[in-house]
Amino acid sequence: MKTLKVLFLLILSLFLLSGCYESKYPIAGTKEQVKPELIGNYIGENFPELKVIPISDTDYFILFSNKDGNVTIGKAYSLAIGNSNLMIFQELSSGKNNYWFFKYDCKKINNTYVMTARSISDNFIKLNPPKNQDELQQIITKNFENDIMFDEPQTFLKLINTDIKLSLYLPEKE
């Protein structure tokens, strides 16, 4: 019975994430500094919990759960592509250590931060699958402003009074 439950959760997780492209390759580039406005706890329509915690000057620890309570854990960093941002998320909770890619924006609206994230669509990448990291980077960079490359946006609201202090997680500067 326990094996059946685990198998069901695994299949459900794969189904829920089927639209998001997973890669064994990350994207190279100069990592952006941690953005204080990203740090904190968020809620979203399809993701009741999203936590973004800095773990270095450039990297984040991210935890999110979906409506069914399945939790995904990983680490991430951000790159600037033109005037937009790309979050490279390395999923660690399944043990596969694959990378997911999200175009995101975080704006302050009426004293509340609103983050919008769009994952790179698995269907778009399947049209011309990359053979290596360089090809993947070229596909993403070339099509980054093309809405067809992305899944539907997910919107998250930052919870008030839940800021995570950046100084608690980053080493002191000498």
Protein backbone atom coordinates (compact mmCIF):
# COMPACT_ATOMS: atom_id res chain seq x y z
CA MET A 1 0.00 0.00 0.00
CA LYS A 2 2.83 2.42 0.88
CA THR A 3 4.54 1.67 -2.45
CA LEU A 4 1.30 2.42 -4.28
CA LYS A 5 0.97 5.81 -2.53
CA VAL A 6 4.57 6.74 -3.37
CA LEU A 7 4.08 5.68 -6.99
CA PHE A 8 0.84 7.69 -7.20
CA LEU A 9 2.58 10.81 -5.80
CA LEU A 10 5.48 10.38 -8.22
CA ILE A 11 3.16 10.04 -11.23
CA LEU A 12 1.08 13.01 -10.03
CA SER A 13 4.22 15.14 -9.64
CA LEU A 14 5.41 14.24 -13.13
CA PHE A 15 1.98 15.10 -14.55
CA LEU A 16 1.84 18.46 -12.78
CA LEU A 17 5.31 19.43 -13.99
CA SER A 18 4.96 18.02 -17.49
CA GLY A 19 4.67 21.44 -19.13
CA CYS A 20 7.87 22.81 -17.64
CA TYR A 21 11.05 22.04 -19.58
CA GLU A 22 13.65 20.11 -17.57
CA SER A 23 17.28 20.09 -18.64
CA LYS A 24 20.41 18.31 -17.51
CA TYR A 25 22.27 21.49 -18.52
CA PRO A 26 22.30 24.82 -16.67
CA ILE A 27 22.70 28.14 -18.46
CA ALA A 28 26.03 29.94 -18.12
CA GLY A 29 26.46 33.65 -17.54
CA THR A 30 27.25 36.22 -14.91
CA LYS A 31 25.00 35.62 -11.93
CA GLU A 32 23.09 38.63 -10.67
CA GLN A 33 23.39 39.70 -7.05
CA VAL A 34 20.62 38.53 -4.72
CA LYS A 35 17.63 40.86 -5.05
CA PRO A 36 16.18 41.79 -1.65
CA GLU A 37 12.69 42.19 -3.15
CA LEU A 38 12.66 38.48 -4.10
CA ILE A 39 13.46 37.27 -0.59
CA GLY A 40 10.48 36.17 1.45
CA ASN A 41 7.33 34.08 1.51
CA TYR A 42 4.79 34.14 -1.32
CA ILE A 43 1.42 32.64 -2.15
CA GLY A 44 0.03 31.92 -5.60
CA GLU A 45 -3.13 30.48 -7.10
CA ASN A 46 -1.55 27.14 -8.05
CA PHE A 47 1.24 27.24 -5.48
CA PRO A 48 0.03 27.97 -1.94
CA GLU A 49 3.59 28.26 -0.64
CA LEU A 50 6.77 29.68 -2.13
CA LYS A 51 9.81 30.53 -0.02
CA VAL A 52 12.85 32.34 -1.41
CA ILE A 53 15.91 32.42 0.88
CA PRO A 54 19.37 33.74 -0.03
CA ILE A 55 22.28 31.32 0.51
CA SER A 56 25.09 33.46 -0.94
CA ASP A 57 25.58 36.80 -2.69
CA THR A 58 24.15 35.30 -5.89
CA ASP A 59 22.21 32.12 -5.02
CA TYR A 60 18.83 31.30 -3.50
CA PHE A 61 17.29 28.33 -1.76
CA ILE A 62 13.72 27.89 -3.02
CA LEU A 63 10.93 25.73 -1.67
CA PHE A 64 7.45 25.57 -3.14
CA SER A 65 4.38 23.41 -2.82
CA ASN A 66 1.50 22.85 -5.19
CA LYS A 67 -2.22 22.62 -4.35
CA ASP A 68 -1.85 18.93 -3.52
CA GLY A 69 0.85 19.62 -0.95
CA ASN A 70 3.74 18.17 -2.98
CA VAL A 71 6.90 20.06 -2.06
CA THR A 72 9.77 20.85 -4.42
CA ILE A 73 13.12 22.05 -3.12
CA GLY A 74 16.04 23.48 -5.02
CA LYS A 75 18.62 26.17 -5.43
CA ALA A 76 18.58 28.94 -8.00
CA TYR A 77 20.38 31.91 -9.47
CA SER A 78 19.33 34.72 -11.76
CA LEU A 79 20.77 36.00 -15.05
CA ALA A 80 19.87 39.18 -16.90
CA ILE A 81 18.92 38.65 -20.55
CA GLY A 82 18.28 42.02 -22.16
CA ASN A 83 15.86 43.89 -19.91
CA SER A 84 14.42 40.66 -18.47
CA ASN A 85 15.40 38.12 -15.83
CA LEU A 86 15.91 34.38 -16.11
CA MET A 87 15.85 32.23 -12.96
CA ILE A 88 17.78 28.99 -13.29
CA PHE A 89 16.36 26.54 -10.75
CA GLN A 90 18.15 23.28 -9.94
CA GLU A 91 15.56 20.88 -8.57
CA LEU A 92 17.06 18.84 -5.72
CA SER A 93 14.11 17.08 -4.07
CA SER A 94 13.78 14.24 -6.60
CA GLY A 95 17.47 13.43 -6.76
CA LYS A 96 17.58 14.02 -10.54
CA ASN A 97 19.14 17.50 -10.07
CA ASN A 98 17.63 18.77 -13.32
CA TYR A 99 17.37 22.44 -14.20
CA TRP A 100 14.20 24.42 -14.84
CA PHE A 101 14.11 27.91 -16.32
CA PHE A 102 11.75 30.77 -15.46
CA LYS A 103 11.40 34.24 -16.88
CA TYR A 104 10.33 36.39 -13.95
CA ASP A 105 9.49 39.91 -12.88
CA CYS A 106 8.98 41.28 -9.38
CA LYS A 107 7.26 44.65 -8.89
CA LYS A 108 6.06 46.59 -5.89
CA ILE A 109 2.38 47.46 -6.26
CA ASN A 110 0.67 49.33 -3.39
CA ASN A 111 3.26 48.18 -0.79
CA THR A 112 3.00 44.56 -1.91
CA TYR A 113 5.52 42.74 -4.07
CA VAL A 114 3.98 40.84 -6.97
CA MET A 115 6.13 38.25 -8.73
CA THR A 116 5.18 36.83 -12.10
CA ALA A 117 7.00 33.75 -13.36
CA ARG A 118 6.73 31.87 -16.66
CA SER A 119 8.47 28.54 -17.17
CA ILE A 120 10.07 27.63 -20.46
CA SER A 121 7.65 25.31 -22.22
CA ASP A 122 8.61 21.71 -22.77
CA ASN A 123 6.56 21.75 -25.98
CA PHE A 124 8.59 24.65 -27.40
CA ILE A 125 11.96 23.03 -26.68
CA LYS A 126 10.79 19.69 -28.14
CA LEU A 127 10.42 21.39 -31.54
CA ASN A 128 14.22 21.73 -31.73
CA PRO A 129 15.81 19.83 -28.82
CA PRO A 130 19.30 21.00 -27.87
CA LYS A 131 22.15 18.50 -28.03
CA ASN A 132 24.31 20.31 -25.47
CA GLN A 133 24.51 23.28 -23.12
CA ASP A 134 25.64 25.72 -25.83
CA GLU A 135 22.66 24.88 -28.07
CA LEU A 136 20.26 25.25 -25.12
CA GLN A 137 21.74 28.65 -24.28
CA GLN A 138 21.40 29.78 -27.91
CA ILE A 139 17.75 28.67 -28.09
CA ILE A 140 16.85 30.45 -24.85
CA THR A 141 18.75 33.64 -25.65
CA LYS A 142 17.42 33.84 -29.23
CA ASN A 143 13.79 33.29 -28.17
CA PHE A 144 13.73 34.99 -24.77
CA GLU A 145 11.34 37.75 -25.85
CA ASN A 146 9.14 35.26 -27.74
CA ASP A 147 6.01 34.53 -25.67
CA ILE A 148 5.55 31.21 -27.48
CA MET A 149 8.59 29.83 -25.63
CA PHE A 150 6.87 30.16 -22.24
CA ASP A 151 4.01 28.52 -20.38
CA GLU A 152 1.20 30.60 -18.90
CA PRO A 153 2.31 33.06 -16.19
CA GLN A 154 2.00 32.22 -12.52
CA THR A 155 1.46 35.17 -10.17
CA PHE A 156 2.65 35.25 -6.57
CA LEU A 157 1.97 37.78 -3.82
CA LYS A 158 4.61 38.38 -1.18
CA LEU A 159 3.18 37.97 2.30
CA ILE A 160 3.39 41.06 4.49
CA ASN A 161 5.78 41.05 7.45
CA THR A 162 7.56 37.90 6.33
CA ASP A 163 10.74 39.45 4.98
CA ILE A 164 13.74 37.24 5.49
CA LYS A 165 16.66 39.37 6.56
CA LEU A 166 19.41 39.17 3.99
CA SER A 167 22.09 39.76 6.63
CA LEU A 168 21.14 36.56 8.45
CA TYR A 169 22.13 34.40 5.49
CA LEU A 170 25.04 36.14 3.80
CA PRO A 171 28.60 36.10 5.13
CA GLU A 172 29.87 39.40 6.46
CA LYS A 173 32.00 41.46 4.10
CA GLU A 174 35.59 41.98 5.20
